[in-house]
Amino acid sequence: MLRSPAWIRLLPDVYVHRDGHRAGDHRMWCDAVALLLPAHGAIAGRSAAYLWGADLLARDAPVSVLLPPDARMRPHPRTARCPGTGRGAGAA
């Protein structure tokens, strides 16, 4: 755990330097979530579209994730499990 005002905790074990932190930056949040995805998990839905250049998201939209049925991911307000995927990735 980093204990310094220079680092901001985004997710468990994922930190960003305060100079790189932009609260409404969906790409930053996608990068953070991608670091914690289980095997065969993926950024999905509107988050994936955003990464390909389609700006369809609200400023504070959670990152959409697609998980295999047996995968688990710690819930977080900045993640949203896509319908029909495994449990544990936040509120759908």
Protein backbone atom coordinates (compact mmCIF):
# COMPACT_ATOMS: atom_id res chain seq x y z
CA MET A 1 0.00 0.00 0.00
CA LEU A 2 1.36 3.39 -0.98
CA ARG A 3 1.08 5.94 1.80
CA SER A 4 1.90 9.27 0.26
CA PRO A 5 -0.16 12.22 -0.96
CA ALA A 6 1.55 11.72 -4.32
CA TRP A 7 -0.44 8.50 -4.98
CA ILE A 8 -4.20 8.02 -5.33
CA ARG A 9 -5.76 4.59 -4.84
CA LEU A 10 -8.16 3.75 -7.67
CA LEU A 11 -8.83 0.09 -6.89
CA PRO A 12 -7.35 -2.50 -4.55
CA ASP A 13 -3.63 -2.65 -5.40
CA VAL A 14 -4.02 -0.12 -8.24
CA TYR A 15 -2.67 3.40 -7.75
CA VAL A 16 -2.09 6.41 -9.97
CA HIS A 17 0.22 9.36 -9.41
CA ARG A 18 -1.70 12.50 -8.51
CA ASP A 19 -0.35 14.25 -11.63
CA GLY A 20 -1.95 11.57 -13.81
CA HIS A 21 -5.25 11.34 -11.92
CA ARG A 22 -8.31 12.63 -13.77
CA ALA A 23 -11.45 11.58 -11.91
CA GLY A 24 -13.69 11.61 -15.00
CA ASP A 25 -11.19 9.93 -17.36
CA HIS A 26 -12.86 6.69 -18.44
CA ARG A 27 -9.70 5.45 -20.17
CA MET A 28 -7.77 5.73 -16.89
CA TRP A 29 -10.48 3.70 -15.13
CA CYS A 30 -10.50 1.08 -17.93
CA ASP A 31 -6.73 0.72 -17.60
CA ALA A 32 -7.07 0.32 -13.82
CA VAL A 33 -9.84 -2.28 -14.09
CA ALA A 34 -7.95 -4.18 -16.81
CA LEU A 35 -5.09 -4.73 -14.36
CA LEU A 36 -7.45 -6.67 -12.08
CA LEU A 37 -9.45 -8.66 -14.63
CA PRO A 38 -9.37 -12.42 -14.10
CA ALA A 39 -8.26 -14.74 -16.90
CA HIS A 40 -10.54 -14.47 -19.95
CA GLY A 41 -12.22 -11.33 -18.56
CA ALA A 42 -12.54 -8.27 -20.79
CA ILE A 43 -13.55 -4.64 -20.89
CA ALA A 44 -16.94 -4.74 -22.63
CA GLY A 45 -20.02 -2.84 -23.72
CA ARG A 46 -19.90 0.94 -23.88
CA SER A 47 -16.50 0.96 -22.16
CA ALA A 48 -15.04 -1.09 -25.01
CA ALA A 49 -16.74 1.18 -27.54
CA TYR A 50 -15.23 4.19 -25.76
CA LEU A 51 -11.76 2.67 -26.03
CA TRP A 52 -12.34 2.37 -29.79
CA GLY A 53 -13.32 6.04 -30.06
CA ALA A 54 -17.11 6.11 -29.55
CA ASP A 55 -17.94 8.65 -26.86
CA LEU A 56 -21.21 7.19 -25.51
CA LEU A 57 -20.60 7.50 -21.78
CA ALA A 58 -21.62 9.73 -18.94
CA ARG A 59 -18.67 11.38 -17.19
CA ASP A 60 -18.79 9.05 -14.18
CA ALA A 61 -19.92 5.86 -15.95
CA PRO A 62 -18.61 2.62 -14.45
CA VAL A 63 -16.33 0.37 -16.50
CA SER A 64 -18.29 -2.48 -18.10
CA VAL A 65 -16.65 -5.88 -17.69
CA LEU A 66 -17.37 -9.28 -19.20
CA LEU A 67 -16.39 -12.25 -17.06
CA PRO A 68 -16.44 -16.02 -17.56
CA PRO A 69 -19.24 -17.69 -15.55
CA ASP A 70 -16.84 -19.10 -12.94
CA ALA A 71 -14.76 -15.91 -12.53
CA ARG A 72 -14.88 -13.61 -9.55
CA MET A 73 -13.95 -9.98 -9.28
CA ARG A 74 -14.14 -7.80 -6.20
CA PRO A 75 -17.16 -5.44 -6.44
CA HIS A 76 -16.40 -1.74 -6.85
CA PRO A 77 -18.62 1.28 -7.66
CA ARG A 78 -16.52 1.98 -10.78
CA THR A 79 -17.20 -1.47 -12.31
CA ALA A 80 -20.39 -2.89 -13.79
CA ARG A 81 -20.80 -6.51 -14.83
CA CYS A 82 -22.34 -6.98 -18.26
CA PRO A 83 -25.56 -9.01 -18.14
CA GLY A 84 -25.16 -12.76 -18.48
CA THR A 85 -21.65 -12.97 -17.05
CA GLY A 86 -20.24 -14.36 -13.82
CA ARG A 87 -21.07 -12.86 -10.44
CA GLY A 88 -18.97 -10.46 -8.42
CA ALA A 89 -18.04 -7.55 -10.69
CA GLY A 90 -20.24 -4.91 -9.11
CA ALA A 91 -23.79 -3.89 -9.77
CA ALA A 92 -25.07 -4.56 -13.26
